[in-house]
C-alpha atoms as a PDB file:
ATOM      1  CA  MET A   1     186.366-151.811-109.134  1.00  0.00           C
ATOM      2  CA  GLY A   2     184.196-152.658-112.223  1.00  0.00           C
ATOM      3  CA  PHE A   3     181.359-153.839-110.074  1.00  0.00           C
ATOM      4  CA  GLU A   4     181.460-150.757-107.992  1.00  0.00           C
ATOM      5  CA  ARG A   5     181.259-148.610-111.143  1.00  0.00           C
ATOM      6  CA  LEU A   6     178.325-150.588-112.301  1.00  0.00           C
ATOM      7  CA  MET A   7     176.497-150.101-108.924  1.00  0.00           C
ATOM      8  CA  ARG A   8     177.068-146.301-109.113  1.00  0.00           C
ATOM      9  CA  MET A   9     175.356-146.032-112.585  1.00  0.00           C
ATOM     10  CA  LYS A  10     172.114-143.996-112.654  1.00  0.00           C
ATOM     11  CA  HIS A  11     170.370-147.085-114.140  1.00  0.00           C
ATOM     12  CA  ARG A  12     172.297-149.977-112.598  1.00  0.00           C
ATOM     13  CA  PRO A  13     171.733-153.449-113.815  1.00  0.00           C
ATOM     14  CA  ASP A  14     169.514-155.994-112.248  1.00  0.00           C
ATOM     15  CA  GLU A  15     171.894-158.770-113.169  1.00  0.00           C
ATOM     16  CA  VAL A  16     175.664-159.067-113.844  1.00  0.00           C
ATOM     17  CA  PHE A  17     177.297-161.858-115.988  1.00  0.00           C
ATOM     18  CA  CYS A  18     180.963-162.029-115.209  1.00  0.00           C
ATOM     19  CA  ALA A  19     183.743-163.210-117.499  1.00  0.00           C
ATOM     20  CA  ASN A  20     184.563-166.108-115.087  1.00  0.00           C
ATOM     21  CA  ASP A  21     183.919-167.326-111.389  1.00  0.00           C
ATOM     22  CA  ALA A  22     186.964-165.661-110.087  1.00  0.00           C
ATOM     23  CA  VAL A  23     185.795-162.173-111.276  1.00  0.00           C
ATOM     24  CA  ALA A  24     182.218-162.982-109.977  1.00  0.00           C
ATOM     25  CA  ILE A  25     183.716-163.828-106.568  1.00  0.00           C
ATOM     26  CA  GLY A  26     185.534-160.549-106.482  1.00  0.00           C
ATOM     27  CA  ALA A  27     182.182-158.812-107.521  1.00  0.00           C
ATOM     28  CA  MET A  28     180.612-160.481-104.584  1.00  0.00           C
ATOM     29  CA  ASP A  29     183.264-159.146-102.289  1.00  0.00           C
ATOM     30  CA  GLU A  30     182.675-155.566-103.755  1.00  0.00           C
ATOM     31  CA  ALA A  31     178.878-155.984-103.366  1.00  0.00           C
ATOM     32  CA  GLU A  32     179.385-156.865 -99.581  1.00  0.00           C
ATOM     33  CA  GLU A  33     181.620-153.790 -99.189  1.00  0.00           C
ATOM     34  CA  LEU A  34     178.878-151.547-100.935  1.00  0.00           C
ATOM     35  CA  ASP A  35     176.073-153.148 -99.086  1.00  0.00           C
ATOM     36  CA  VAL A  36     174.490-154.445-102.287  1.00  0.00           C
ATOM     37  CA  GLY A  37     172.326-157.619-101.699  1.00  0.00           C
ATOM     38  CA  ILE A  38     173.290-160.546-103.777  1.00  0.00           C
ATOM     39  CA  PRO A  39     170.839-161.889-105.091  1.00  0.00           C
ATOM     40  CA  GLY A  40     168.320-159.576-103.394  1.00  0.00           C
ATOM     41  CA  GLU A  41     169.237-156.334-105.310  1.00  0.00           C
ATOM     42  CA  VAL A  42     171.509-157.809-108.157  1.00  0.00           C
ATOM     43  CA  ALA A  43     171.709-161.256-109.611  1.00  0.00           C
ATOM     44  CA  LEU A  44     175.259-162.449-110.283  1.00  0.00           C
ATOM     45  CA  ILE A  45     176.367-165.106-112.455  1.00  0.00           C
ATOM     46  CA  GLY A  46     179.916-166.491-113.059  1.00  0.00           C
ATOM     47  CA  HIS A  47     181.342-168.646-115.871  1.00  0.00           C
ATOM     48  CA  ASP A  48     183.409-171.849-115.816  1.00  0.00           C
ATOM     49  CA  ASP A  49     182.126-173.672-112.641  1.00  0.00           C
ATOM     50  CA  ALA A  50     185.439-173.357-110.796  1.00  0.00           C
ATOM     51  CA  GLN A  51     185.631-175.616-107.606  1.00  0.00           C
ATOM     52  CA  PHE A  52     185.483-172.719-105.387  1.00  0.00           C
ATOM     53  CA  ALA A  53     182.287-171.376-106.905  1.00  0.00           C
ATOM     54  CA  SER A  54     180.074-173.639-104.617  1.00  0.00           C
ATOM     55  CA  LEU A  55     181.953-172.979-101.417  1.00  0.00           C
ATOM     56  CA  GLY A  56     180.972-169.479-100.458  1.00  0.00           C
ATOM     57  CA  ARG A  57     177.822-168.082 -99.186  1.00  0.00           C
ATOM     58  CA  PRO A  58     175.791-167.458-101.118  1.00  0.00           C
ATOM     59  CA  ARG A  59     176.990-170.339-103.519  1.00  0.00           C
ATOM     60  CA  LEU A  60     177.797-168.799-107.061  1.00  0.00           C
ATOM     61  CA  THR A  61     175.450-169.422-109.894  1.00  0.00           C
ATOM     62  CA  THR A  62     177.519-170.231-112.999  1.00  0.00           C
ATOM     63  CA  VAL A  63     177.578-171.426-116.549  1.00  0.00           C
ATOM     64  CA  THR A  64     179.812-174.162-117.778  1.00  0.00           C
ATOM     65  CA  TYR A  65     180.707-175.766-121.104  1.00  0.00           C
ATOM     66  CA  PRO A  66     181.935-179.487-121.595  1.00  0.00           C
ATOM     67  CA  ALA A  67     185.706-178.941-121.972  1.00  0.00           C
ATOM     68  CA  VAL A  68     186.177-181.862-124.385  1.00  0.00           C
ATOM     69  CA  GLU A  69     183.343-180.936-126.673  1.00  0.00           C
ATOM     70  CA  LEU A  70     184.502-177.312-126.692  1.00  0.00           C
ATOM     71  CA  GLY A  71     188.118-178.340-127.554  1.00  0.00           C
ATOM     72  CA  ARG A  72     186.818-180.457-130.464  1.00  0.00           C
ATOM     73  CA  ALA A  73     184.646-177.727-131.649  1.00  0.00           C
ATOM     74  CA  ALA A  74     187.750-175.411-131.628  1.00  0.00           C
ATOM     75  CA  ALA A  75     189.954-177.908-133.408  1.00  0.00           C
ATOM     76  CA  GLN A  76     187.430-178.776-136.140  1.00  0.00           C
ATOM     77  CA  PRO A  77     187.905-175.716-138.369  1.00  0.00           C
ATOM     78  CA  LEU A  78     191.575-176.310-138.322  1.00  0.00           C
ATOM     79  CA  VAL A  79     191.188-179.929-139.435  1.00  0.00           C
ATOM     80  CA  GLU A  80     188.680-178.850-142.181  1.00  0.00           C
ATOM     81  CA  ARG A  81     191.169-176.161-143.451  1.00  0.00           C
ATOM     82  CA  LEU A  82     194.039-178.798-143.424  1.00  0.00           C
ATOM     83  CA  ASN A  83     191.830-181.052-145.644  1.00  0.00           C
ATOM     84  CA  GLY A  84     191.087-178.307-148.097  1.00  0.00           C
ATOM     85  CA  ARG A  85     187.615-177.677-146.840  1.00  0.00           C
ATOM     86  CA  VAL A  86     186.013-174.311-145.844  1.00  0.00           C
ATOM     87  CA  PRO A  87     185.019-174.444-142.226  1.00  0.00           C
ATOM     88  CA  ARG A  88     181.606-173.511-140.766  1.00  0.00           C
ATOM     89  CA  LYS A  89     181.646-169.978-139.433  1.00  0.00           C
ATOM     90  CA  THR A  90     179.481-170.879-136.503  1.00  0.00           C
ATOM     91  CA  VAL A  91     179.892-173.737-133.936  1.00  0.00           C
ATOM     92  CA  HIS A  92     177.426-174.480-131.270  1.00  0.00           C
ATOM     93  CA  VAL A  93     178.309-175.910-127.917  1.00  0.00           C
ATOM     94  CA  LYS A  94     175.668-176.666-125.297  1.00  0.00           C
ATOM     95  CA  ALA A  95     176.143-174.754-122.008  1.00  0.00           C
ATOM     96  CA  GLU A  96     174.974-175.858-118.713  1.00  0.00           C
ATOM     97  CA  PHE A  97     173.329-173.340-116.276  1.00  0.00           C
ATOM     98  CA  ILE A  98     174.175-174.301-112.759  1.00  0.00           C
ATOM     99  CA  SER A  99     171.722-172.392-110.539  1.00  0.00           C
ATOM    100  CA  ARG A 100     172.894-172.011-106.989  1.00  0.00           C
ATOM    101  CA  GLY A 101     172.368-168.892-104.667  1.00  0.00           C
ATOM    102  CA  THR A 102     173.230-165.788-106.591  1.00  0.00           C
ATOM    103  CA  VAL A 103     170.183-165.357-108.860  1.00  0.00           C
END
């Protein structure tokens, strides 16, 4: 339903970045029902590189983060606070862009 609303906008987007791959697959289904070409009319990007993301046609372009590194980055501020230090406010984790068939 969210994708349909985007496609009915007067100035609809050229690309849509979804919260996760499952939402992106749902958007692909809605695009097919609305006869919106993916990637021809709208580029679509998921997030989290779920196993099913590479199974459909077109295969879903996605962004992923290294889970272990992300976990460490999330835990580090807690450890710093426990040790009486002020944690950094910004943590950077390198993402990986996996280009497939939806951009």
